């Protein structure tokens, strides 16, 4: 395997602590440091680097504790094809670490294997994104985070400004950024203004907590997801020096992880900012392991919806707006009952953005259209293209 030199293999004896895994426990099903990726669907690897975080030092050291709890869990009613590649150790500089992550993610995606990254600090999201530069496709990022990370671009890349660095990255392959769970009192109003100017999609914590299903089409639109553990409340995930009294609960975090796994569009995901130096009797490690389990469970329950299939296989609904002056086209999957909206775009350029013009939505968006209103998520995408 071309990327093997980037990884230090998992010390399974140390993680298993002398136990023998049962036949259906993940610890007996995962392939460790495989020589090839044949018959592998998902590849876990950890990144033991937190130099990008000034406020959560220690997050480099949490992955093996997560592994202890993950390997104990049982596989679902399916046969998993998961590899654990091991860990990327800190490079001589943080740029070296980014390079190792970027090359690894690119190689895995190219071989149709989904990388599952366990950080490390969330600036590693930048390296994940940069990997798509070689994929020759535009990218949708979804960040589950209490903040936007739009800090000073003049500073070296870090956990507080990585999104700013993504915006200035060349080549620019970012089509859309969505945030799930931001908390307004952490956000500078200039950041909100910039997000609005770029027609990005942001969803307050309170909105998503009121109905976690709102998150499903947002997540379904992602090519890559960055999940920061500080988006979860301190009660449910204490092992983070930036943990807040408010945030998602454990069940909601697991539900979003499952949504991510079920998305046929998603091709990489990272979980960041778990810090084992904050003593919590391993509660956060246990939760993160369960989130990973739910991602795997979602993956093995994929329905082969768009973009894995042709939209001609869907039930098509056309809604007239403004007395027929405009029409919105909706598609419903007969396999999953999930919905999409078609966003019109000039045919000469449509191929470039085709993957993003079938916009995931909900039945509620369809009902909004039947009331002679244009759904907000459709309008945001239309403005971005215009």
Protein backbone atom coordinates (compact mmCIF):
# COMPACT_ATOMS: atom_id res chain seq x y z
CA UNK A 1 0.00 0.00 0.00
CA UNK A 2 1.56 3.27 -1.17
CA UNK A 3 0.72 5.23 1.98
CA UNK A 4 1.88 2.62 4.50
CA UNK A 5 5.01 4.57 5.41
CA UNK A 6 2.88 7.37 6.86
CA UNK A 7 1.44 5.11 9.57
CA UNK A 8 2.55 3.59 12.83
CA UNK A 9 0.61 0.32 13.24
CA UNK A 10 -1.87 -0.11 16.05
CA UNK A 11 -0.46 -1.82 19.14
CA UNK A 12 -3.39 -4.20 19.50
CA UNK A 13 -2.03 -5.96 22.59
CA UNK A 14 -1.84 -2.65 24.42
CA UNK A 15 -5.35 -1.64 23.37
CA UNK A 16 -6.98 -5.03 23.99
CA UNK A 17 -5.54 -5.09 27.53
CA UNK A 18 -5.28 -8.87 27.46
CA UNK A 19 -8.84 -9.54 26.38
CA UNK A 20 -9.81 -11.86 23.53
CA UNK A 21 -12.42 -10.28 21.28
CA UNK A 22 -15.59 -12.23 20.60
CA UNK A 23 -16.37 -13.28 17.04
CA UNK A 24 -18.73 -10.38 16.31
CA UNK A 25 -16.87 -7.67 18.20
CA UNK A 26 -15.26 -5.10 15.93
CA UNK A 27 -11.87 -5.87 17.43
CA UNK A 28 -12.00 -9.30 15.74
CA UNK A 29 -13.42 -7.97 12.46
CA UNK A 30 -11.17 -4.99 11.71
CA UNK A 31 -8.16 -5.59 9.46
CA UNK A 32 -5.03 -3.99 10.89
CA UNK A 33 -2.41 -2.38 8.62
CA UNK A 34 -3.51 -4.24 5.46
CA UNK A 35 -1.07 -4.69 2.60
CA UNK A 36 -3.78 -3.70 0.12
CA UNK A 37 -7.21 -2.08 0.17
CA UNK A 38 -8.93 -4.87 -1.72
CA UNK A 39 -12.31 -5.62 -0.12
CA UNK A 40 -12.00 -2.65 2.27
CA UNK A 41 -14.86 -0.12 2.51
CA UNK A 42 -13.79 2.07 5.43
CA UNK A 43 -10.33 2.94 6.74
CA UNK A 44 -9.79 4.34 10.22
CA UNK A 45 -6.63 6.25 10.99
CA UNK A 46 -5.65 8.62 13.75
CA UNK A 47 -3.55 11.77 13.65
CA UNK A 48 -1.58 12.44 16.81
CA UNK A 49 -0.96 16.14 16.31
CA UNK A 50 -2.50 19.05 18.19
CA UNK A 51 0.03 21.77 17.41
CA UNK A 52 -2.74 23.68 15.68
CA UNK A 53 -4.63 24.07 18.94
CA UNK A 54 -3.59 26.66 21.49
CA UNK A 55 -6.55 25.99 23.78
CA UNK A 56 -6.97 22.19 23.78
CA UNK A 57 -3.49 20.73 24.11
CA UNK A 58 -3.74 17.00 24.69
CA UNK A 59 -6.14 16.23 21.86
CA UNK A 60 -3.28 14.53 20.02
CA UNK A 61 -3.36 11.65 22.48
CA UNK A 62 -6.95 10.41 22.51
CA UNK A 63 -7.34 8.03 19.58
CA UNK A 64 -6.12 4.83 21.20
CA UNK A 65 -8.52 5.27 24.10
CA UNK A 66 -11.33 5.60 21.56
CA UNK A 67 -10.09 2.43 19.90
CA UNK A 68 -10.36 0.54 23.19
CA UNK A 69 -14.08 1.26 23.36
CA UNK A 70 -14.72 0.94 19.62
CA UNK A 71 -13.18 -2.52 19.32
CA UNK A 72 -15.42 -3.75 22.15
CA UNK A 73 -18.60 -2.91 20.22
CA UNK A 74 -20.51 -5.49 18.20
CA UNK A 75 -20.97 -5.28 14.46
CA UNK A 76 -24.53 -4.92 13.22
CA UNK A 77 -26.47 -7.25 10.95
CA UNK A 78 -23.91 -6.96 8.15
CA UNK A 79 -20.31 -7.94 7.46
CA UNK A 80 -17.92 -5.06 8.02
CA UNK A 81 -14.94 -4.46 5.77
CA UNK A 82 -12.98 -2.02 7.89
CA UNK A 83 -9.25 -1.43 8.11
CA UNK A 84 -7.38 0.38 10.87
CA UNK A 85 -4.30 1.82 9.21
CA UNK A 86 -2.77 3.01 12.47
CA UNK A 87 -1.62 6.49 13.41
CA UNK A 88 0.08 9.40 11.70
CA UNK A 89 2.64 10.71 14.17
CA UNK A 90 3.56 14.42 14.29
CA UNK A 91 5.83 15.42 11.44
CA UNK A 92 8.89 17.61 11.90
CA UNK A 93 6.55 20.52 11.20
CA UNK A 94 2.79 20.66 11.22
CA UNK A 95 2.97 21.09 7.44
CA UNK A 96 4.51 17.63 7.26
CA UNK A 97 1.56 16.24 9.20
CA UNK A 98 -0.87 17.98 6.85
CA UNK A 99 0.97 16.46 3.88
CA UNK A 100 0.67 12.95 5.31
CA UNK A 101 -3.05 13.42 5.95
CA UNK A 102 -3.63 14.94 2.53
CA UNK A 103 -1.82 12.16 0.68
CA UNK A 104 -3.52 9.45 2.73
CA UNK A 105 -7.02 10.82 2.22
CA UNK A 106 -6.43 11.31 -1.49
CA UNK A 107 -5.14 7.75 -1.89
CA UNK A 108 -8.06 6.25 0.01
CA UNK A 109 -10.72 8.21 -1.88
CA UNK A 110 -9.07 7.33 -5.18
CA UNK A 111 -9.37 3.67 -4.17
CA UNK A 112 -13.04 4.13 -3.19
CA UNK A 113 -12.34 3.72 0.52
CA UNK A 114 -13.83 6.21 2.98
CA UNK A 115 -11.29 7.63 5.45
CA UNK A 116 -12.43 7.99 9.07
CA UNK A 117 -9.99 10.35 10.79
CA UNK A 118 -9.64 10.53 14.56
CA UNK A 119 -7.82 13.71 15.60
CA UNK A 120 -6.02 15.64 16.82
CA UNK A 121 -7.02 19.25 16.55
CA UNK A 122 -9.65 20.38 14.06
CA UNK A 123 -7.24 22.33 11.85
CA UNK A 124 -6.60 18.88 10.35
CA UNK A 125 -9.85 19.57 8.48
CA UNK A 126 -7.75 21.76 6.18
CA UNK A 127 -5.54 18.80 5.23
CA UNK A 128 -8.62 16.65 4.61
CA UNK A 129 -10.01 19.34 2.29
CA UNK A 130 -6.72 19.81 0.45
CA UNK A 131 -6.78 16.12 -0.49
CA UNK A 132 -9.68 16.82 -2.84
CA UNK A 133 -7.50 19.10 -4.97
CA UNK A 134 -6.31 15.97 -6.77
CA UNK A 135 -9.82 14.59 -7.19
CA UNK A 136 -10.79 17.24 -9.78
CA UNK A 137 -14.13 17.93 -8.17
CA UNK A 138 -15.71 20.74 -6.21
CA UNK A 139 -16.40 19.99 -2.57
CA UNK A 140 -19.13 20.58 -0.01
CA UNK A 141 -17.92 20.76 3.59
CA UNK A 142 -20.18 20.30 6.59
CA UNK A 143 -18.78 21.27 9.97
CA UNK A 144 -20.48 20.25 13.21
CA UNK A 145 -19.01 22.86 15.50
CA UNK A 146 -19.95 25.57 17.96
CA UNK A 147 -17.77 28.06 16.04
CA UNK A 148 -16.81 28.85 12.42
CA UNK A 149 -12.98 28.95 12.74
CA UNK A 150 -12.75 32.11 10.63
CA UNK A 151 -9.81 33.60 12.52
CA UNK A 152 -7.03 35.85 11.25
CA UNK A 153 -5.72 34.63 7.90
CA UNK A 154 -2.34 36.26 8.59
CA UNK A 155 -1.69 33.78 11.41
CA UNK A 156 -0.31 30.34 10.71
CA UNK A 157 -3.05 27.80 10.21
CA UNK A 158 -4.64 26.66 13.45
CA UNK A 159 -7.88 25.38 14.94
CA UNK A 160 -9.31 28.90 15.06
CA UNK A 161 -8.69 29.98 11.45
CA UNK A 162 -8.62 26.82 9.34
CA UNK A 163 -11.82 27.75 7.50
CA UNK A 164 -10.28 31.08 6.48
CA UNK A 165 -7.32 29.13 5.10
CA UNK A 166 -9.69 26.87 3.17
CA UNK A 167 -11.38 29.90 1.61
CA UNK A 168 -8.00 31.14 0.32
CA UNK A 169 -6.68 27.72 -0.68
CA UNK A 170 -5.64 27.34 -4.32
CA UNK A 171 -6.98 25.75 -6.34
CA UNK A 172 -10.34 26.83 -4.98
CA UNK A 173 -12.49 23.69 -5.02
CA UNK A 174 -14.99 24.70 -2.33
CA UNK A 175 -18.57 24.79 -3.58
CA UNK A 176 -20.36 25.13 -0.26
CA UNK A 177 -19.74 25.23 3.47
CA UNK A 178 -22.42 24.42 6.02
CA UNK A 179 -22.18 24.70 9.78
CA UNK A 180 -24.39 22.72 12.12
CA UNK A 181 -24.64 23.81 15.73
CA UNK A 182 -23.02 27.23 15.98
CA UNK A 183 -23.62 29.11 19.22
CA UNK A 184 -24.24 32.81 18.60
CA UNK A 185 -22.40 34.12 21.68
CA UNK A 186 -19.17 32.57 20.34
CA UNK A 187 -19.50 34.23 16.91
CA UNK A 188 -18.16 37.62 15.85
CA UNK A 189 -20.80 39.48 13.84
CA UNK A 190 -18.27 40.14 11.07
CA UNK A 191 -18.00 36.37 10.65
CA UNK A 192 -21.76 36.09 10.28
CA UNK A 193 -21.69 38.83 7.64
CA UNK A 194 -18.96 37.05 5.68
CA UNK A 195 -20.85 33.75 5.82
CA UNK A 196 -23.96 35.49 4.46
CA UNK A 197 -22.00 37.20 1.67
CA UNK A 198 -20.66 33.82 0.53
CA UNK A 199 -24.15 32.26 0.61
CA UNK A 200 -23.00 29.55 2.99
CA UNK A 201 -25.51 27.67 5.12
CA UNK A 202 -25.41 27.94 8.90
CA UNK A 203 -27.77 26.42 11.45
CA UNK A 204 -27.97 27.45 15.09
CA UNK A 205 -27.65 24.89 17.82
CA UNK A 206 -31.17 25.57 19.10
CA UNK A 207 -32.74 25.01 15.68
CA UNK A 208 -31.10 21.62 15.17
CA UNK A 209 -31.75 20.51 18.75
CA UNK A 210 -35.44 21.31 18.31
CA UNK A 211 -35.61 18.70 15.55
CA UNK A 212 -32.49 16.66 14.78
CA UNK A 213 -34.02 15.56 11.45
CA UNK A 214 -33.31 19.06 10.12
CA UNK A 215 -29.64 18.02 10.02
CA UNK A 216 -30.21 15.05 7.70
CA UNK A 217 -30.39 16.80 4.28
CA UNK A 218 -27.59 19.18 5.31
CA UNK A 219 -25.33 16.24 6.10
CA UNK A 220 -26.49 14.38 2.97
CA UNK A 221 -25.12 17.25 0.88
CA UNK A 222 -21.57 16.88 2.23
CA UNK A 223 -18.55 15.41 0.50
CA UNK A 224 -16.61 15.69 3.75
CA UNK A 225 -17.57 16.30 7.37
CA UNK A 226 -15.58 17.77 10.22
CA UNK A 227 -17.09 16.92 13.61
CA UNK A 228 -15.61 18.81 16.55
CA UNK A 229 -16.30 17.30 19.95
CA UNK A 230 -16.77 20.79 21.40
CA UNK A 231 -20.09 20.89 19.55
CA UNK A 232 -21.34 18.46 22.20
CA UNK A 233 -22.32 19.79 25.61
CA UNK A 234 -19.90 19.48 28.50
CA UNK A 235 -22.31 17.16 30.30
CA UNK A 236 -22.13 14.62 27.48
CA UNK A 237 -18.53 15.14 26.27
CA UNK A 238 -16.45 16.71 29.07
CA UNK A 239 -13.04 15.74 27.63
CA UNK A 240 -12.38 18.99 25.80
CA UNK A 241 -10.85 22.12 27.28
CA UNK A 242 -13.24 24.22 25.16
CA UNK A 243 -16.37 22.32 26.20
CA UNK A 244 -19.45 24.47 26.75
CA UNK A 245 -22.49 23.95 29.00
CA UNK A 246 -24.60 24.06 25.84
CA UNK A 247 -24.33 21.77 22.87
CA UNK A 248 -25.69 18.57 21.38
CA UNK A 249 -26.35 15.57 23.57
CA UNK A 250 -24.85 12.15 22.97
CA UNK A 251 -27.89 10.74 21.22
CA UNK A 252 -28.02 13.68 18.79
CA UNK A 253 -24.30 13.33 18.04
CA UNK A 254 -24.77 9.64 17.26
CA UNK A 255 -27.80 10.38 15.06
CA UNK A 256 -25.79 12.88 13.00
CA UNK A 257 -22.95 10.37 12.66
CA UNK A 258 -25.44 7.83 11.32
CA UNK A 259 -26.85 10.39 8.86
CA UNK A 260 -23.29 10.89 7.65
CA UNK A 261 -22.71 7.20 7.16
CA UNK A 262 -25.94 6.82 5.19
CA UNK A 263 -25.08 9.61 2.75
CA UNK A 264 -24.07 8.18 -0.62
CA UNK A 265 -22.29 11.45 -1.42
CA UNK A 266 -19.98 11.52 1.58
CA UNK A 267 -16.42 10.35 0.94
CA UNK A 268 -14.50 11.33 4.11
CA UNK A 269 -15.12 12.27 7.73
CA UNK A 270 -13.04 13.43 10.68
CA UNK A 271 -13.69 13.62 14.42
CA UNK A 272 -11.55 16.11 16.32
CA UNK A 273 -10.74 17.73 19.67
CA UNK A 274 -11.26 14.79 22.04
CA UNK A 275 -8.79 15.43 24.86
CA UNK A 276 -8.06 12.53 27.25
CA UNK A 277 -6.09 14.81 29.58
CA UNK A 278 -9.44 16.11 30.83
CA UNK A 279 -10.41 13.35 33.23
CA UNK A 280 -14.01 12.23 32.69
CA UNK A 281 -13.84 8.49 33.47
CA UNK A 282 -13.56 7.86 29.71
CA UNK A 283 -17.10 9.12 29.07
CA UNK A 284 -16.11 11.11 25.96
CA UNK A 285 -14.00 8.30 24.53
CA UNK A 286 -16.93 5.94 24.98
CA UNK A 287 -19.29 8.40 23.27
CA UNK A 288 -16.93 8.98 20.36
CA UNK A 289 -16.57 5.23 19.89
CA UNK A 290 -20.35 4.95 19.71
CA UNK A 291 -20.46 7.81 17.19
CA UNK A 292 -18.00 5.89 15.03
CA UNK A 293 -20.18 2.78 15.40
CA UNK A 294 -23.22 4.74 14.22
CA UNK A 295 -21.28 6.05 11.23
CA UNK A 296 -20.36 2.48 10.28
CA UNK A 297 -23.96 1.36 10.82
CA UNK A 298 -25.19 4.16 8.57
CA UNK A 299 -22.68 3.24 5.87
CA UNK A 300 -23.82 -0.38 5.78
CA UNK A 301 -27.40 0.82 5.49
CA UNK A 302 -26.80 3.05 2.48
CA UNK A 303 -29.59 2.95 -0.11
CA UNK A 304 -27.50 3.69 -3.22
CA UNK A 305 -29.33 6.97 -3.73
CA UNK A 306 -27.99 9.96 -5.68
CA UNK A 307 -25.21 10.33 -6.74
CA UNK A 308 -24.87 6.52 -6.72
CA UNK A 309 -27.92 6.19 -8.99
CA UNK A 310 -29.64 8.13 -11.75
CA UNK A 311 -32.35 10.61 -10.80
CA UNK A 312 -34.56 9.06 -13.48
CA UNK A 313 -35.15 6.27 -10.97
CA UNK A 314 -36.90 8.73 -8.65
CA UNK A 315 -40.48 9.93 -8.41
CA UNK A 316 -40.60 13.41 -9.92
CA UNK A 317 -42.79 16.24 -8.62
CA UNK A 318 -43.14 19.62 -10.31
CA UNK A 319 -44.46 22.59 -8.32
CA UNK A 320 -45.59 25.82 -10.00
CA UNK A 321 -44.55 29.03 -8.24
CA UNK A 322 -45.98 32.53 -8.82
CA UNK A 323 -48.86 31.40 -11.04
CA UNK A 324 -46.61 29.25 -13.19
CA UNK A 325 -43.87 31.83 -13.81
CA UNK A 326 -41.39 29.47 -12.18
CA UNK A 327 -41.30 25.75 -11.58
CA UNK A 328 -39.45 23.83 -8.90
CA UNK A 329 -38.65 20.19 -9.52
CA UNK A 330 -38.48 17.73 -6.65
CA UNK A 331 -37.38 14.11 -6.63
CA UNK A 332 -38.26 11.44 -4.09
CA UNK A 333 -36.36 8.19 -3.72
CA UNK A 334 -38.68 5.17 -3.64
CA UNK A 335 -35.93 3.26 -1.80
CA UNK A 336 -35.39 5.64 1.12
CA UNK A 337 -38.24 8.20 0.95
CA UNK A 338 -35.59 10.94 0.92
CA UNK A 339 -36.07 14.12 -1.13
CA UNK A 340 -34.00 16.30 -3.47
CA UNK A 341 -34.59 19.57 -5.34
CA UNK A 342 -33.18 20.31 -8.77
CA UNK A 343 -31.45 23.70 -9.06
CA UNK A 344 -31.42 24.98 -12.68
CA UNK A 345 -28.09 26.05 -14.13
CA UNK A 346 -26.75 26.94 -17.60
CA UNK A 347 -26.27 23.65 -19.45
CA UNK A 348 -22.76 24.56 -20.68
CA UNK A 349 -21.48 24.50 -17.10
CA UNK A 350 -23.94 22.13 -15.51
CA UNK A 351 -21.67 19.09 -15.74
CA UNK A 352 -19.07 20.77 -13.50
CA UNK A 353 -21.58 21.23 -10.68
CA UNK A 354 -23.96 18.34 -11.41
CA UNK A 355 -23.32 16.63 -8.08
CA UNK A 356 -24.38 19.77 -6.21
CA UNK A 357 -27.40 20.73 -8.32
CA UNK A 358 -29.45 17.80 -7.07
CA UNK A 359 -29.86 19.44 -3.70
CA UNK A 360 -30.86 17.25 -0.73
CA UNK A 361 -33.97 18.53 1.00
CA UNK A 362 -36.87 17.35 3.11
CA UNK A 363 -40.56 16.78 2.61
CA UNK A 364 -41.02 20.05 4.51
CA UNK A 365 -39.24 21.89 1.67
CA UNK A 366 -41.69 20.39 -0.79
CA UNK A 367 -44.60 21.57 1.35
CA UNK A 368 -43.09 25.07 1.47
CA UNK A 369 -43.03 25.11 -2.34
CA UNK A 370 -46.67 24.03 -2.51
CA UNK A 371 -47.45 27.16 -0.45
CA UNK A 372 -45.97 29.29 -3.26
CA UNK A 373 -42.69 29.92 -1.44
CA UNK A 374 -39.15 29.08 -2.52
CA UNK A 375 -37.29 26.97 0.07
CA UNK A 376 -34.34 28.81 1.60
CA UNK A 377 -31.78 26.10 0.81
CA UNK A 378 -32.79 26.16 -2.89
CA UNK A 379 -32.49 29.95 -3.01
CA UNK A 380 -29.06 29.91 -1.32
CA UNK A 381 -27.68 27.50 -3.92
CA UNK A 382 -29.26 29.43 -6.79
CA UNK A 383 -27.67 32.69 -5.58
CA UNK A 384 -24.29 31.00 -5.29
CA UNK A 385 -24.47 29.81 -8.90
CA UNK A 386 -25.71 33.15 -10.16
